[in-house]
Amino acid sequence: MRVVIGADHAGFELKQNLSDFLHKRGHHVVDVGTYTPEAVDYPDYAEAVGKALHEGQAERGVLICGSGVGASVAANKIPGIRAGLCHDTYSAHQGVEHDSMNVLVMGGRVIGSALAQELVQAYLSARFTGAERHRRRLGKLQALEMRYGKG
């Protein structure tokens, strides 16, 4: 699978770890930065991940900042992006299965690399169920974007 990954300085180390993890499992990784641990702004990397998804460079995204909260808020400002902050495997796969989540967000200062790898594995192996109730809810999310000028 093609996966875009981005992080601010607080997520830099975990991003590097996950990039290696993904490569070793045969995924094509699109790394949109940051490329150093120097301080940067998380909205820039949330936008870069969202843009890569919009342009078809990847099928799913992974985004990391210190807590995951700021990056999640920023990513969800982009039309069509359904970013979920997950620090447990249930949320990582259920977010895809029920909500068609296309960006997994994690806190680099909250979880370690072993758990992050488990979350990425659960997230990438999950598929949207397409159940009627989930399609209906996804439609309502898309209608919200349209109503408030994000669509």
N, C-alpha and C. Protein backbone atom coordinates (compact mmCIF):
# COMPACT_ATOMS: atom_id res chain seq x y z
N MET A 1 0.85 -1.18 0.00
CA MET A 1 0.00 0.00 0.00
C MET A 1 0.90 1.24 0.00
N ARG A 2 0.42 2.29 -0.63
CA ARG A 2 1.13 3.58 -0.62
C ARG A 2 0.66 4.37 0.60
N VAL A 3 1.60 4.75 1.45
CA VAL A 3 1.30 5.42 2.71
C VAL A 3 2.10 6.71 2.78
N VAL A 4 1.40 7.84 3.00
CA VAL A 4 2.08 9.10 3.21
C VAL A 4 2.26 9.28 4.72
N ILE A 5 3.43 9.73 5.12
CA ILE A 5 3.72 9.92 6.53
C ILE A 5 4.33 11.29 6.75
N GLY A 6 3.88 11.95 7.80
CA GLY A 6 4.40 13.27 8.12
C GLY A 6 4.39 13.49 9.62
N ALA A 7 5.26 14.38 10.07
CA ALA A 7 5.36 14.66 11.50
C ALA A 7 6.01 16.01 11.72
N ASP A 8 5.70 16.61 12.86
CA ASP A 8 6.46 17.78 13.29
C ASP A 8 7.67 17.28 14.06
N HIS A 9 8.40 18.21 14.67
CA HIS A 9 9.62 17.85 15.38
C HIS A 9 9.38 16.86 16.53
N ALA A 10 8.23 16.97 17.20
CA ALA A 10 7.93 16.08 18.32
C ALA A 10 7.63 14.65 17.85
N GLY A 11 7.30 14.50 16.60
CA GLY A 11 7.02 13.18 16.05
C GLY A 11 8.10 12.66 15.13
N PHE A 12 9.16 13.45 14.97
CA PHE A 12 10.22 13.11 14.00
C PHE A 12 10.80 11.71 14.24
N GLU A 13 11.20 11.42 15.46
CA GLU A 13 11.84 10.13 15.75
C GLU A 13 10.89 8.97 15.48
N LEU A 14 9.63 9.10 15.91
CA LEU A 14 8.66 8.04 15.68
C LEU A 14 8.37 7.90 14.18
N LYS A 15 8.32 9.00 13.46
CA LYS A 15 8.10 8.96 12.00
C LYS A 15 9.21 8.14 11.33
N GLN A 16 10.45 8.39 11.73
CA GLN A 16 11.58 7.66 11.15
C GLN A 16 11.43 6.17 11.42
N ASN A 17 11.07 5.83 12.65
CA ASN A 17 10.89 4.44 13.03
C ASN A 17 9.78 3.79 12.20
N LEU A 18 8.66 4.49 12.07
CA LEU A 18 7.53 3.92 11.33
C LEU A 18 7.80 3.84 9.84
N SER A 19 8.55 4.78 9.30
CA SER A 19 8.93 4.71 7.88
C SER A 19 9.71 3.43 7.61
N ASP A 20 10.69 3.14 8.46
CA ASP A 20 11.47 1.91 8.32
C ASP A 20 10.57 0.68 8.47
N PHE A 21 9.71 0.71 9.46
CA PHE A 21 8.77 -0.39 9.72
C PHE A 21 7.91 -0.66 8.48
N LEU A 22 7.37 0.40 7.88
CA LEU A 22 6.52 0.26 6.70
C LEU A 22 7.29 -0.25 5.50
N HIS A 23 8.49 0.29 5.27
CA HIS A 23 9.33 -0.18 4.15
C HIS A 23 9.61 -1.67 4.28
N LYS A 24 9.95 -2.12 5.48
CA LYS A 24 10.28 -3.53 5.70
C LYS A 24 9.09 -4.45 5.45
N ARG A 25 7.89 -3.90 5.51
CA ARG A 25 6.69 -4.70 5.26
C ARG A 25 6.16 -4.52 3.85
N GLY A 26 6.97 -3.91 2.99
CA GLY A 26 6.64 -3.82 1.58
C GLY A 26 5.75 -2.67 1.16
N HIS A 27 5.50 -1.74 2.06
CA HIS A 27 4.69 -0.57 1.71
C HIS A 27 5.56 0.48 1.03
N HIS A 28 4.95 1.23 0.13
CA HIS A 28 5.62 2.38 -0.49
C HIS A 28 5.33 3.58 0.40
N VAL A 29 6.38 4.21 0.92
CA VAL A 29 6.23 5.32 1.86
C VAL A 29 6.55 6.64 1.17
N VAL A 30 5.62 7.58 1.28
CA VAL A 30 5.83 8.95 0.82
C VAL A 30 6.05 9.78 2.07
N ASP A 31 7.28 10.19 2.30
CA ASP A 31 7.66 10.95 3.49
C ASP A 31 7.60 12.43 3.17
N VAL A 32 6.67 13.16 3.80
CA VAL A 32 6.51 14.59 3.54
C VAL A 32 7.15 15.45 4.62
N GLY A 33 8.02 14.84 5.44
CA GLY A 33 8.75 15.61 6.45
C GLY A 33 8.06 15.59 7.80
N THR A 34 8.69 16.22 8.69
CA THR A 34 9.91 16.97 8.74
C THR A 34 11.08 16.00 8.66
N TYR A 35 12.22 16.54 8.28
CA TYR A 35 13.39 15.70 8.07
C TYR A 35 14.48 15.91 9.11
N THR A 36 14.20 16.74 10.10
CA THR A 36 15.14 16.98 11.20
C THR A 36 14.34 17.16 12.49
N PRO A 37 14.99 17.09 13.64
CA PRO A 37 14.27 17.31 14.90
C PRO A 37 14.14 18.80 15.28
N GLU A 38 14.48 19.71 14.38
CA GLU A 38 14.34 21.13 14.67
C GLU A 38 12.87 21.53 14.71
N ALA A 39 12.52 22.48 15.58
CA ALA A 39 11.12 22.89 15.79
C ALA A 39 10.47 23.38 14.49
N VAL A 40 9.28 22.85 14.22
CA VAL A 40 8.46 23.22 13.06
C VAL A 40 7.00 23.25 13.52
N ASP A 41 6.10 23.61 12.62
CA ASP A 41 4.69 23.74 12.96
C ASP A 41 3.86 22.59 12.40
N TYR A 42 3.14 21.90 13.28
CA TYR A 42 2.37 20.72 12.88
C TYR A 42 1.34 20.97 11.77
N PRO A 43 0.69 22.15 11.67
CA PRO A 43 -0.29 22.31 10.58
C PRO A 43 0.33 22.15 9.19
N ASP A 44 1.61 22.50 9.05
CA ASP A 44 2.27 22.36 7.75
C ASP A 44 2.36 20.90 7.32
N TYR A 45 2.57 20.01 8.27
CA TYR A 45 2.72 18.59 7.95
C TYR A 45 1.36 17.91 7.83
N ALA A 46 0.37 18.40 8.57
CA ALA A 46 -0.99 17.90 8.38
C ALA A 46 -1.45 18.24 6.97
N GLU A 47 -1.15 19.45 6.52
CA GLU A 47 -1.53 19.84 5.15
C GLU A 47 -0.78 19.01 4.12
N ALA A 48 0.49 18.76 4.34
CA ALA A 48 1.28 17.98 3.39
C ALA A 48 0.74 16.56 3.26
N VAL A 49 0.34 15.95 4.37
CA VAL A 49 -0.24 14.61 4.33
C VAL A 49 -1.57 14.65 3.57
N GLY A 50 -2.43 15.62 3.91
CA GLY A 50 -3.72 15.75 3.24
C GLY A 50 -3.58 16.00 1.75
N LYS A 51 -2.63 16.85 1.38
CA LYS A 51 -2.41 17.16 -0.04
C LYS A 51 -1.96 15.91 -0.80
N ALA A 52 -1.07 15.13 -0.21
CA ALA A 52 -0.60 13.91 -0.86
C ALA A 52 -1.76 12.94 -1.09
N LEU A 53 -2.68 12.86 -0.12
CA LEU A 53 -3.85 12.00 -0.30
C LEU A 53 -4.76 12.54 -1.40
N HIS A 54 -4.99 13.84 -1.40
CA HIS A 54 -5.83 14.46 -2.44
C HIS A 54 -5.26 14.25 -3.83
N GLU A 55 -3.95 14.29 -3.94
CA GLU A 55 -3.29 14.14 -5.24
C GLU A 55 -3.11 12.69 -5.66
N GLY A 56 -3.53 11.75 -4.83
CA GLY A 56 -3.43 10.34 -5.17
C GLY A 56 -2.04 9.76 -5.02
N GLN A 57 -1.16 10.44 -4.28
CA GLN A 57 0.19 9.92 -4.07
C GLN A 57 0.19 8.75 -3.09
N ALA A 58 -0.87 8.65 -2.29
CA ALA A 58 -0.97 7.58 -1.30
C ALA A 58 -2.43 7.25 -1.07
N GLU A 59 -2.66 6.08 -0.52
CA GLU A 59 -4.01 5.63 -0.21
C GLU A 59 -4.40 5.92 1.23
N ARG A 60 -3.41 5.97 2.11
CA ARG A 60 -3.65 6.24 3.53
C ARG A 60 -2.53 7.15 4.04
N GLY A 61 -2.82 7.82 5.17
CA GLY A 61 -1.85 8.70 5.77
C GLY A 61 -1.60 8.39 7.23
N VAL A 62 -0.40 8.72 7.67
CA VAL A 62 -0.01 8.63 9.08
C VAL A 62 0.59 9.97 9.45
N LEU A 63 0.15 10.51 10.58
CA LEU A 63 0.55 11.85 10.99
C LEU A 63 0.89 11.83 12.47
N ILE A 64 1.98 12.50 12.84
CA ILE A 64 2.45 12.46 14.23
C ILE A 64 2.86 13.86 14.68
N CYS A 65 2.38 14.24 15.86
CA CYS A 65 2.90 15.43 16.55
C CYS A 65 3.11 15.02 18.00
N GLY A 66 3.34 15.96 18.88
CA GLY A 66 3.63 15.61 20.28
C GLY A 66 2.52 14.82 20.94
N SER A 67 1.31 15.38 20.97
CA SER A 67 0.18 14.69 21.59
C SER A 67 -0.70 14.00 20.56
N GLY A 68 -0.64 14.47 19.32
CA GLY A 68 -1.54 14.00 18.26
C GLY A 68 -2.76 14.88 18.12
N VAL A 69 -3.06 15.68 19.13
CA VAL A 69 -4.27 16.50 19.11
C VAL A 69 -4.19 17.60 18.05
N GLY A 70 -3.13 18.38 18.07
CA GLY A 70 -3.01 19.48 17.11
C GLY A 70 -3.01 19.00 15.68
N ALA A 71 -2.26 17.95 15.40
CA ALA A 71 -2.19 17.41 14.04
C ALA A 71 -3.56 16.88 13.60
N SER A 72 -4.29 16.27 14.52
CA SER A 72 -5.62 15.76 14.21
C SER A 72 -6.58 16.90 13.87
N VAL A 73 -6.55 17.95 14.68
CA VAL A 73 -7.41 19.11 14.42
C VAL A 73 -7.07 19.71 13.06
N ALA A 74 -5.79 19.90 12.80
CA ALA A 74 -5.36 20.51 11.53
C ALA A 74 -5.75 19.65 10.33
N ALA A 75 -5.51 18.36 10.40
CA ALA A 75 -5.80 17.47 9.27
C ALA A 75 -7.29 17.46 8.96
N ASN A 76 -8.12 17.52 9.98
CA ASN A 76 -9.57 17.48 9.76
C ASN A 76 -10.14 18.77 9.20
N LYS A 77 -9.32 19.79 9.03
CA LYS A 77 -9.75 21.01 8.35
C LYS A 77 -9.72 20.84 6.84
N ILE A 78 -9.07 19.80 6.36
CA ILE A 78 -8.91 19.57 4.92
C ILE A 78 -10.09 18.74 4.42
N PRO A 79 -10.80 19.21 3.41
CA PRO A 79 -11.94 18.46 2.88
C PRO A 79 -11.54 17.03 2.49
N GLY A 80 -12.38 16.09 2.86
CA GLY A 80 -12.15 14.70 2.51
C GLY A 80 -11.21 13.96 3.43
N ILE A 81 -10.59 14.67 4.34
CA ILE A 81 -9.69 14.00 5.29
C ILE A 81 -10.48 13.63 6.53
N ARG A 82 -10.36 12.37 6.90
CA ARG A 82 -10.99 11.86 8.11
C ARG A 82 -9.87 11.31 8.98
N ALA A 83 -9.32 12.21 9.81
CA ALA A 83 -8.18 11.87 10.65
C ALA A 83 -8.66 11.49 12.04
N GLY A 84 -8.10 10.42 12.56
CA GLY A 84 -8.45 9.97 13.90
C GLY A 84 -7.22 9.82 14.76
N LEU A 85 -7.28 10.40 15.94
CA LEU A 85 -6.21 10.26 16.93
C LEU A 85 -6.43 8.93 17.65
N CYS A 86 -5.49 8.02 17.51
CA CYS A 86 -5.63 6.68 18.08
C CYS A 86 -4.39 6.31 18.87
N HIS A 87 -4.63 5.81 20.08
CA HIS A 87 -3.55 5.29 20.90
C HIS A 87 -3.87 3.87 21.37
N ASP A 88 -4.85 3.23 20.71
CA ASP A 88 -5.19 1.83 20.99
C ASP A 88 -5.56 1.16 19.67
N THR A 89 -5.34 -0.14 19.58
CA THR A 89 -5.54 -0.85 18.32
C THR A 89 -7.01 -0.91 17.91
N TYR A 90 -7.93 -1.00 18.87
CA TYR A 90 -9.35 -1.04 18.52
C TYR A 90 -9.74 0.20 17.72
N SER A 91 -9.38 1.37 18.22
CA SER A 91 -9.72 2.61 17.52
C SER A 91 -9.04 2.69 16.16
N ALA A 92 -7.83 2.17 16.07
CA ALA A 92 -7.08 2.25 14.81
C ALA A 92 -7.75 1.46 13.69
N HIS A 93 -8.30 0.30 14.00
CA HIS A 93 -8.99 -0.45 12.93
C HIS A 93 -10.46 -0.06 12.83
N GLN A 94 -11.11 0.20 13.95
CA GLN A 94 -12.53 0.55 13.92
C GLN A 94 -12.75 1.88 13.22
N GLY A 95 -11.81 2.81 13.34
CA GLY A 95 -11.93 4.09 12.65
C GLY A 95 -11.99 3.94 11.14
N VAL A 96 -11.30 2.94 10.63
CA VAL A 96 -11.35 2.66 9.19
C VAL A 96 -12.63 1.89 8.86
N GLU A 97 -12.91 0.85 9.63
CA GLU A 97 -14.05 -0.02 9.34
C GLU A 97 -15.39 0.72 9.38
N HIS A 98 -15.58 1.60 10.34
CA HIS A 98 -16.86 2.28 10.51
C HIS A 98 -16.89 3.70 9.96
N ASP A 99 -15.75 4.41 10.05
CA ASP A 99 -15.72 5.84 9.73
C ASP A 99 -14.92 6.18 8.48
N SER A 100 -14.38 5.19 7.82
CA SER A 100 -13.55 5.39 6.63
C SER A 100 -12.40 6.36 6.91
N MET A 101 -11.81 6.24 8.09
CA MET A 101 -10.68 7.07 8.48
C MET A 101 -9.55 6.87 7.47
N ASN A 102 -8.98 7.96 6.97
CA ASN A 102 -7.89 7.84 6.01
C ASN A 102 -6.57 8.41 6.51
N VAL A 103 -6.56 8.96 7.71
CA VAL A 103 -5.31 9.41 8.33
C VAL A 103 -5.30 8.95 9.79
N LEU A 104 -4.29 8.19 10.14
CA LEU A 104 -4.05 7.77 11.52
C LEU A 104 -3.15 8.81 12.16
N VAL A 105 -3.58 9.38 13.27
CA VAL A 105 -2.79 10.38 13.98
C VAL A 105 -2.37 9.79 15.33
N MET A 106 -1.12 10.04 15.70
CA MET A 106 -0.59 9.54 16.97
C MET A 106 0.25 10.62 17.63
N GLY A 107 0.38 10.48 18.94
CA GLY A 107 1.22 11.38 19.71
C GLY A 107 2.59 10.79 19.95
N GLY A 108 3.61 11.40 19.37
CA GLY A 108 4.97 10.91 19.52
C GLY A 108 5.50 11.00 20.94
N ARG A 109 4.90 11.88 21.76
CA ARG A 109 5.30 12.00 23.16
C ARG A 109 4.38 11.22 24.08
N VAL A 110 3.45 10.48 23.49
CA VAL A 110 2.45 9.75 24.26
C VAL A 110 2.69 8.24 24.21
N ILE A 111 3.04 7.74 23.03
CA ILE A 111 3.21 6.29 22.86
C ILE A 111 4.62 5.98 22.36
N GLY A 112 5.02 4.74 22.55
CA GLY A 112 6.32 4.29 22.07
C GLY A 112 6.23 3.64 20.71
N SER A 113 7.38 3.27 20.19
CA SER A 113 7.43 2.74 18.83
C SER A 113 6.75 1.38 18.70
N ALA A 114 6.82 0.52 19.71
CA ALA A 114 6.19 -0.80 19.60
C ALA A 114 4.67 -0.65 19.45
N LEU A 115 4.05 0.18 20.28
CA LEU A 115 2.62 0.38 20.18
C LEU A 115 2.27 1.08 18.87
N ALA A 116 3.05 2.05 18.47
CA ALA A 116 2.79 2.76 17.21
C ALA A 116 2.81 1.78 16.04
N GLN A 117 3.73 0.84 16.04
CA GLN A 117 3.78 -0.15 14.97
C GLN A 117 2.53 -1.03 14.97
N GLU A 118 2.05 -1.41 16.16
CA GLU A 118 0.82 -2.20 16.25
C GLU A 118 -0.36 -1.41 15.71
N LEU A 119 -0.41 -0.11 16.03
CA LEU A 119 -1.51 0.73 15.56
C LEU A 119 -1.49 0.86 14.05
N VAL A 120 -0.32 1.09 13.49
CA VAL A 120 -0.20 1.22 12.04
C VAL A 120 -0.61 -0.09 11.36
N GLN A 121 -0.19 -1.20 11.92
CA GLN A 121 -0.55 -2.51 11.36
C GLN A 121 -2.08 -2.69 11.37
N ALA A 122 -2.72 -2.38 12.50
CA ALA A 122 -4.17 -2.52 12.61
C ALA A 122 -4.88 -1.58 11.64
N TYR A 123 -4.40 -0.36 11.55
CA TYR A 123 -4.98 0.66 10.66
C TYR A 123 -4.89 0.26 9.20
N LEU A 124 -3.71 -0.17 8.77
CA LEU A 124 -3.51 -0.50 7.35
C LEU A 124 -4.19 -1.79 6.94
N SER A 125 -4.41 -2.70 7.86
CA SER A 125 -5.06 -3.96 7.51
C SER A 125 -6.58 -3.84 7.52
N ALA A 126 -7.10 -2.76 8.07
CA ALA A 126 -8.56 -2.58 8.16
C ALA A 126 -9.13 -2.05 6.84
N ARG A 127 -10.40 -2.38 6.59
CA ARG A 127 -11.12 -1.92 5.40
C ARG A 127 -12.48 -1.39 5.84
N PHE A 128 -12.94 -0.35 5.15
CA PHE A 128 -14.27 0.19 5.39
C PHE A 128 -15.29 -0.89 5.11
N THR A 129 -16.24 -1.10 6.03
CA THR A 129 -17.19 -2.20 5.86
C THR A 129 -18.19 -1.94 4.74
N GLY A 130 -18.51 -0.68 4.51
CA GLY A 130 -19.52 -0.37 3.50
C GLY A 130 -20.94 -0.66 3.96
N ALA A 131 -21.11 -1.02 5.23
CA ALA A 131 -22.45 -1.28 5.76
C ALA A 131 -23.30 -0.02 5.59
N GLU A 132 -24.59 -0.24 5.39
CA GLU A 132 -25.50 0.88 5.12
C GLU A 132 -25.40 1.97 6.18
N ARG A 133 -25.37 1.59 7.45
CA ARG A 133 -25.31 2.61 8.51
C ARG A 133 -24.02 3.41 8.47
N HIS A 134 -22.94 2.76 8.06
CA HIS A 134 -21.65 3.47 7.97
C HIS A 134 -21.61 4.37 6.75
N ARG A 135 -22.17 3.93 5.64
CA ARG A 135 -22.27 4.79 4.45
C ARG A 135 -23.16 6.00 4.73
N ARG A 136 -24.26 5.77 5.45
CA ARG A 136 -25.16 6.88 5.81
C ARG A 136 -24.43 7.92 6.66
N ARG A 137 -23.68 7.46 7.63
CA ARG A 137 -22.95 8.38 8.52
C ARG A 137 -21.84 9.10 7.76
N LEU A 138 -21.17 8.40 6.88
CA LEU A 138 -20.14 9.04 6.06
C LEU A 138 -20.77 10.12 5.18
N GLY A 139 -21.94 9.84 4.64
CA GLY A 139 -22.66 10.83 3.85
C GLY A 139 -22.99 12.07 4.67
N LYS A 140 -23.35 11.87 5.92
CA LYS A 140 -23.63 13.01 6.79
C LYS A 140 -22.37 13.83 7.07
N LEU A 141 -21.23 13.16 7.19
CA LEU A 141 -19.96 13.89 7.36
C LEU A 141 -19.66 14.73 6.12
N GLN A 142 -19.86 14.13 4.97
CA GLN A 142 -19.62 14.86 3.72
C GLN A 142 -20.58 16.04 3.58
N ALA A 143 -21.82 15.87 4.01
CA ALA A 143 -22.79 16.97 3.97
C ALA A 143 -22.37 18.10 4.91
N LEU A 144 -21.81 17.76 6.05
CA LEU A 144 -21.30 18.80 6.97
C LEU A 144 -20.20 19.62 6.30
N GLU A 145 -19.29 18.93 5.61
CA GLU A 145 -18.23 19.65 4.90
C GLU A 145 -18.81 20.61 3.87
N MET A 146 -19.80 20.16 3.15
CA MET A 146 -20.43 20.99 2.12
C MET A 146 -21.15 22.19 2.75
N ARG A 147 -21.89 21.95 3.81
CA ARG A 147 -22.65 23.03 4.47
C ARG A 147 -21.77 24.13 5.02
N TYR A 148 -20.60 23.76 5.47
CA TYR A 148 -19.73 24.74 6.10
C TYR A 148 -18.54 25.13 5.21
N GLY A 149 -18.68 24.92 3.92
CA GLY A 149 -17.71 25.43 2.97
C GLY A 149 -16.43 24.66 2.83
N LYS A 150 -16.39 23.42 3.30
CA LYS A 150 -15.17 22.63 3.20
C LYS A 150 -15.22 21.66 2.03
N GLY A 151 -16.31 21.60 1.33
CA GLY A 151 -16.45 20.61 0.27
C GLY A 151 -16.26 21.22 -1.03
